Amino acid sequence: MDIRKIAVGPDYKNAMHYQIGQTVLGGDYTIDHIRRSKEDLSIRVYIEKTFSREIVCWKEFSANMPISCEFNIDF
């Protein structure tokens, strides 16, 4: 299942939220995808540069960090 959005932090209301398509770093990048690592269960956020279309890993959160995930659900 694809992750659509994550909230990082112990309190959902005050957590940092990251969503697919969200612009970051001054609008030069957008969040392209969010993946959970099968090896260590960490969460990685990948961004795409607006002009070059290059995709890079931007953030990684360890499995010890409280993270709430929202998934894409197609009905």
N, C-alpha and C. Protein backbone atom coordinates (compact mmCIF):
# COMPACT_ATOMS: atom_id res chain seq x y z
N MET A 1 0.83 -1.18 0.00
CA MET A 1 0.00 0.00 0.00
C MET A 1 0.88 1.25 0.00
N ASP A 2 0.50 2.22 -0.77
CA ASP A 2 1.25 3.47 -0.86
C ASP A 2 0.90 4.41 0.30
N ILE A 3 1.93 5.00 0.89
CA ILE A 3 1.73 5.99 1.94
C ILE A 3 1.44 7.33 1.28
N ARG A 4 0.36 7.98 1.70
CA ARG A 4 -0.06 9.27 1.15
C ARG A 4 0.42 10.43 1.99
N LYS A 5 0.48 10.22 3.32
CA LYS A 5 0.83 11.30 4.24
C LYS A 5 1.37 10.70 5.54
N ILE A 6 2.34 11.39 6.15
CA ILE A 6 2.81 10.99 7.47
C ILE A 6 2.79 12.19 8.40
N ALA A 7 2.64 11.90 9.69
CA ALA A 7 2.76 12.90 10.74
C ALA A 7 3.83 12.38 11.69
N VAL A 8 4.86 13.17 11.93
CA VAL A 8 6.00 12.74 12.73
C VAL A 8 5.99 13.51 14.04
N GLY A 9 5.86 12.79 15.14
CA GLY A 9 5.85 13.39 16.47
C GLY A 9 4.83 12.72 17.36
N PRO A 10 4.99 12.86 18.67
CA PRO A 10 4.11 12.16 19.61
C PRO A 10 2.69 12.72 19.67
N ASP A 11 2.50 13.98 19.28
CA ASP A 11 1.19 14.63 19.34
C ASP A 11 0.77 14.96 17.91
N TYR A 12 -0.25 14.28 17.38
CA TYR A 12 -0.64 14.42 15.98
C TYR A 12 -0.91 15.88 15.61
N LYS A 13 -1.58 16.60 16.47
CA LYS A 13 -1.95 17.99 16.17
C LYS A 13 -0.71 18.87 15.97
N ASN A 14 0.33 18.66 16.75
CA ASN A 14 1.53 19.49 16.67
C ASN A 14 2.68 18.81 15.93
N ALA A 15 2.42 17.68 15.30
CA ALA A 15 3.46 16.92 14.59
C ALA A 15 3.82 17.62 13.28
N MET A 16 4.96 17.22 12.71
CA MET A 16 5.35 17.67 11.37
C MET A 16 4.64 16.76 10.36
N HIS A 17 3.94 17.36 9.42
CA HIS A 17 3.16 16.60 8.43
C HIS A 17 3.84 16.70 7.07
N TYR A 18 3.92 15.56 6.39
CA TYR A 18 4.51 15.48 5.05
C TYR A 18 3.52 14.73 4.16
N GLN A 19 3.16 15.33 3.03
CA GLN A 19 2.16 14.75 2.13
C GLN A 19 2.66 14.75 0.70
N ILE A 20 2.32 13.69 -0.03
CA ILE A 20 2.68 13.59 -1.44
C ILE A 20 2.17 14.83 -2.17
N GLY A 21 3.03 15.45 -3.00
CA GLY A 21 2.66 16.63 -3.76
C GLY A 21 2.91 17.95 -3.03
N GLN A 22 3.25 17.89 -1.76
CA GLN A 22 3.53 19.10 -0.97
C GLN A 22 4.83 19.73 -1.44
N THR A 23 4.83 21.05 -1.62
CA THR A 23 6.06 21.74 -2.00
C THR A 23 6.90 21.99 -0.75
N VAL A 24 8.22 21.85 -0.91
CA VAL A 24 9.16 22.03 0.20
C VAL A 24 10.38 22.79 -0.29
N LEU A 25 11.21 23.23 0.64
CA LEU A 25 12.47 23.91 0.34
C LEU A 25 12.27 25.10 -0.59
N GLY A 26 11.34 25.97 -0.20
CA GLY A 26 11.10 27.20 -0.95
C GLY A 26 10.37 27.00 -2.26
N GLY A 27 9.72 25.87 -2.43
CA GLY A 27 8.96 25.61 -3.65
C GLY A 27 9.78 25.02 -4.78
N ASP A 28 11.07 24.79 -4.55
CA ASP A 28 11.93 24.20 -5.58
C ASP A 28 11.77 22.69 -5.70
N TYR A 29 11.14 22.06 -4.71
CA TYR A 29 10.97 20.61 -4.68
C TYR A 29 9.54 20.27 -4.26
N THR A 30 9.10 19.08 -4.66
CA THR A 30 7.82 18.56 -4.17
C THR A 30 8.06 17.14 -3.65
N ILE A 31 7.26 16.75 -2.67
CA ILE A 31 7.38 15.39 -2.14
C ILE A 31 6.83 14.43 -3.19
N ASP A 32 7.68 13.52 -3.64
CA ASP A 32 7.33 12.59 -4.71
C ASP A 32 6.74 11.30 -4.16
N HIS A 33 7.38 10.70 -3.18
CA HIS A 33 6.84 9.50 -2.56
C HIS A 33 7.41 9.30 -1.16
N ILE A 34 6.70 8.49 -0.39
CA ILE A 34 7.08 8.17 0.98
C ILE A 34 7.08 6.65 1.08
N ARG A 35 8.19 6.09 1.57
CA ARG A 35 8.34 4.63 1.62
C ARG A 35 8.81 4.17 3.00
N ARG A 36 8.34 2.98 3.38
CA ARG A 36 8.82 2.33 4.59
C ARG A 36 9.88 1.32 4.18
N SER A 37 11.03 1.36 4.84
CA SER A 37 12.11 0.43 4.56
C SER A 37 11.76 -0.95 5.11
N LYS A 38 11.96 -1.98 4.31
CA LYS A 38 11.68 -3.35 4.77
C LYS A 38 12.74 -3.84 5.74
N GLU A 39 13.96 -3.32 5.63
CA GLU A 39 15.05 -3.78 6.47
C GLU A 39 14.91 -3.32 7.92
N ASP A 40 14.76 -2.01 8.12
CA ASP A 40 14.77 -1.48 9.48
C ASP A 40 13.48 -0.74 9.86
N LEU A 41 12.47 -0.79 9.00
CA LEU A 41 11.16 -0.17 9.22
C LEU A 41 11.21 1.35 9.37
N SER A 42 12.30 1.98 8.93
CA SER A 42 12.35 3.43 8.93
C SER A 42 11.45 3.96 7.80
N ILE A 43 11.14 5.24 7.87
CA ILE A 43 10.33 5.89 6.84
C ILE A 43 11.22 6.88 6.11
N ARG A 44 11.18 6.86 4.78
CA ARG A 44 11.98 7.77 3.96
C ARG A 44 11.06 8.62 3.10
N VAL A 45 11.40 9.92 3.03
CA VAL A 45 10.65 10.87 2.22
C VAL A 45 11.52 11.27 1.04
N TYR A 46 11.02 11.08 -0.17
CA TYR A 46 11.75 11.40 -1.39
C TYR A 46 11.14 12.63 -2.04
N ILE A 47 12.01 13.53 -2.51
CA ILE A 47 11.53 14.76 -3.16
C ILE A 47 12.04 14.83 -4.60
N GLU A 48 11.29 15.58 -5.41
CA GLU A 48 11.65 15.77 -6.82
C GLU A 48 11.93 17.24 -7.06
N LYS A 49 13.06 17.52 -7.68
CA LYS A 49 13.41 18.91 -8.03
C LYS A 49 12.51 19.36 -9.18
N THR A 50 11.95 20.53 -9.05
CA THR A 50 10.95 21.02 -9.99
C THR A 50 11.45 21.07 -11.44
N PHE A 51 12.65 21.57 -11.66
CA PHE A 51 13.10 21.77 -13.04
C PHE A 51 13.83 20.57 -13.62
N SER A 52 14.63 19.89 -12.84
CA SER A 52 15.43 18.78 -13.40
C SER A 52 14.74 17.43 -13.29
N ARG A 53 13.66 17.34 -12.51
CA ARG A 53 12.92 16.09 -12.30
C ARG A 53 13.74 15.03 -11.58
N GLU A 54 14.86 15.43 -10.96
CA GLU A 54 15.71 14.51 -10.21
C GLU A 54 15.03 14.18 -8.86
N ILE A 55 15.02 12.90 -8.50
CA ILE A 55 14.42 12.46 -7.24
C ILE A 55 15.52 12.03 -6.29
N VAL A 56 15.47 12.57 -5.05
CA VAL A 56 16.47 12.25 -4.03
C VAL A 56 15.77 11.98 -2.70
N CYS A 57 16.45 11.20 -1.85
CA CYS A 57 15.95 10.97 -0.49
C CYS A 57 16.22 12.24 0.32
N TRP A 58 15.19 12.79 0.92
CA TRP A 58 15.30 14.05 1.64
C TRP A 58 15.36 13.84 3.14
N LYS A 59 14.50 12.98 3.67
CA LYS A 59 14.44 12.75 5.11
C LYS A 59 14.26 11.27 5.39
N GLU A 60 14.79 10.86 6.53
CA GLU A 60 14.61 9.49 6.98
C GLU A 60 14.30 9.54 8.47
N PHE A 61 13.25 8.84 8.87
CA PHE A 61 12.85 8.79 10.27
C PHE A 61 12.98 7.35 10.75
N SER A 62 13.64 7.17 11.90
CA SER A 62 13.86 5.83 12.42
C SER A 62 12.56 5.23 12.94
N ALA A 63 12.56 3.92 13.12
CA ALA A 63 11.39 3.22 13.63
C ALA A 63 11.09 3.61 15.07
N ASN A 64 12.05 4.21 15.76
CA ASN A 64 11.84 4.64 17.15
C ASN A 64 11.03 5.92 17.25
N MET A 65 10.91 6.65 16.16
CA MET A 65 10.19 7.92 16.14
C MET A 65 8.68 7.64 16.01
N PRO A 66 7.84 8.33 16.80
CA PRO A 66 6.40 8.14 16.62
C PRO A 66 5.93 8.73 15.28
N ILE A 67 5.36 7.87 14.44
CA ILE A 67 4.91 8.28 13.10
C ILE A 67 3.52 7.74 12.86
N SER A 68 2.64 8.59 12.39
CA SER A 68 1.30 8.20 11.98
C SER A 68 1.25 8.23 10.45
N CYS A 69 0.77 7.14 9.84
CA CYS A 69 0.72 7.04 8.37
C CYS A 69 -0.72 7.07 7.87
N GLU A 70 -0.93 7.74 6.75
CA GLU A 70 -2.18 7.68 6.03
C GLU A 70 -1.87 7.05 4.68
N PHE A 71 -2.71 6.12 4.25
CA PHE A 71 -2.47 5.37 3.02
C PHE A 71 -3.45 5.78 1.93
N ASN A 72 -3.05 5.59 0.67
CA ASN A 72 -3.97 5.76 -0.45
C ASN A 72 -4.95 4.61 -0.43
N ILE A 73 -6.22 4.95 -0.50
CA ILE A 73 -7.26 3.92 -0.53
C ILE A 73 -8.11 4.20 -1.75
N ASP A 74 -8.15 3.25 -2.66
CA ASP A 74 -8.97 3.37 -3.86
C ASP A 74 -10.18 2.46 -3.74
N PHE A 75 -11.37 3.06 -3.87
CA PHE A 75 -12.59 2.27 -3.79
C PHE A 75 -13.19 2.11 -5.16
